[in-house]
Protein backbone atom coordinates (compact mmCIF):
# COMPACT_ATOMS: atom_id res chain seq x y z
CA MET A 1 0.00 0.00 0.00
CA ASN A 2 1.46 3.38 -0.98
CA PRO A 3 1.50 6.34 1.46
CA GLU A 4 -1.47 8.08 -0.19
CA GLU A 5 -3.64 4.94 0.08
CA LYS A 6 -2.61 4.46 3.70
CA ASN A 7 -3.46 8.09 4.54
CA TRP A 8 -6.84 7.75 2.76
CA ASN A 9 -7.65 4.58 4.73
CA ASP A 10 -6.56 6.26 7.99
CA VAL A 11 -8.81 9.26 7.24
CA LYS A 12 -11.81 7.01 6.54
CA ALA A 13 -11.17 5.15 9.80
CA ARG A 14 -10.93 8.42 11.79
CA TYR A 15 -13.94 10.20 10.30
CA MET A 16 -17.38 9.00 9.27
CA THR A 17 -20.18 10.22 7.06
CA GLY A 18 -22.46 12.57 8.99
CA GLN A 19 -19.77 13.49 11.52
CA GLU A 20 -19.48 17.21 12.30
CA VAL A 21 -15.95 18.55 11.96
CA GLU A 22 -14.31 21.94 12.23
CA GLY A 23 -11.53 23.24 10.06
CA ARG A 24 -10.02 26.33 8.47
CA VAL A 25 -10.65 27.57 4.96
CA VAL A 26 -7.33 27.34 3.10
CA HIS A 27 -8.47 28.13 -0.45
CA LYS A 28 -11.52 29.52 -2.21
CA ALA A 29 -12.61 28.47 -5.70
CA PRO A 30 -15.60 29.54 -7.81
CA PHE A 31 -17.38 26.28 -6.90
CA GLY A 32 -16.61 26.19 -3.16
CA ASP A 33 -14.11 26.30 -0.31
CA PHE A 34 -11.29 23.95 0.52
CA VAL A 35 -11.11 23.27 4.25
CA ASP A 36 -8.21 21.84 6.26
CA ILE A 37 -9.46 19.45 8.97
CA GLY A 38 -6.07 17.83 9.59
CA ALA A 39 -6.59 14.96 7.15
CA GLY A 40 -3.40 15.68 5.19
CA PHE A 41 -5.33 17.25 2.30
CA PRO A 42 -8.15 19.81 2.15
CA ALA A 43 -11.79 18.76 1.97
CA LEU A 44 -14.36 20.44 -0.29
CA LEU A 45 -17.34 22.48 0.87
CA GLU A 46 -19.23 23.19 -2.35
CA ILE A 47 -21.25 26.39 -2.68
CA ILE A 48 -24.44 24.36 -3.15
CA GLN A 49 -23.80 22.77 0.28
CA MET A 50 -23.49 26.13 2.11
CA PRO A 51 -26.38 27.94 3.82
CA GLU A 52 -28.12 30.79 2.03
CA PRO A 53 -26.01 33.94 2.32
CA PRO A 54 -27.46 37.09 3.86
CA PRO A 55 -29.21 39.50 1.48
CA GLY A 56 -26.73 41.44 -0.64
CA GLN A 57 -24.03 38.77 -0.37
CA SER A 58 -23.18 35.72 -2.42
CA ALA A 59 -21.97 32.32 -1.27
CA ALA A 60 -18.48 33.37 -2.40
CA ASP A 61 -18.55 36.06 0.33
CA LEU A 62 -19.01 33.45 3.08
CA ASN A 63 -16.07 31.83 4.88
CA PRO A 64 -13.04 33.98 4.02
CA VAL A 65 -9.64 32.25 3.80
CA GLY A 66 -8.40 31.56 7.33
CA SER A 67 -11.87 31.45 8.88
CA ALA A 68 -13.05 28.51 10.98
CA VAL A 69 -16.01 26.57 9.61
CA LYS A 70 -18.12 23.71 10.92
CA ALA A 71 -19.61 21.20 8.53
CA ARG A 72 -20.69 17.57 8.34
CA ILE A 73 -18.95 15.01 6.20
CA ALA A 74 -21.32 14.27 3.33
CA SER A 75 -19.23 11.69 1.50
CA PHE A 76 -15.87 10.16 0.77
CA GLU A 77 -15.29 10.23 -2.98
CA GLU A 78 -13.45 7.11 -4.13
CA THR A 79 -12.18 8.80 -7.29
CA PRO A 80 -8.50 8.81 -8.27
CA ASP A 81 -8.17 12.18 -6.49
CA LYS A 82 -9.79 10.93 -3.25
CA GLN A 83 -11.96 13.72 -1.87
CA ILE A 84 -13.92 14.41 1.32
CA ARG A 85 -17.05 16.45 0.64
CA PHE A 86 -18.80 18.55 3.28
CA THR A 87 -22.26 19.95 3.77
CA GLN A 88 -23.66 22.67 6.00
CA LYS A 89 -27.26 21.98 4.98
CA PRO A 90 -29.67 20.31 7.40
């Protein structure tokens, strides 16, 4: 097993779908925020999984880089890139 596979398996053993986690936004993209939860790679919080922004703001205005966010793990994507996806929706 290579180091990336081992880390991915360790992450899936440590976290579970539906678990609430807290992390810091490390990068913003047009489609969402990348959040560091200490997994060794950032997880994705897509814009469609964020709460409605206040009037006059867009989802891109939420969660500036460096801010702490809480979200639930929505899924572990078993794609070649291995991705954790978050949600803040009920």
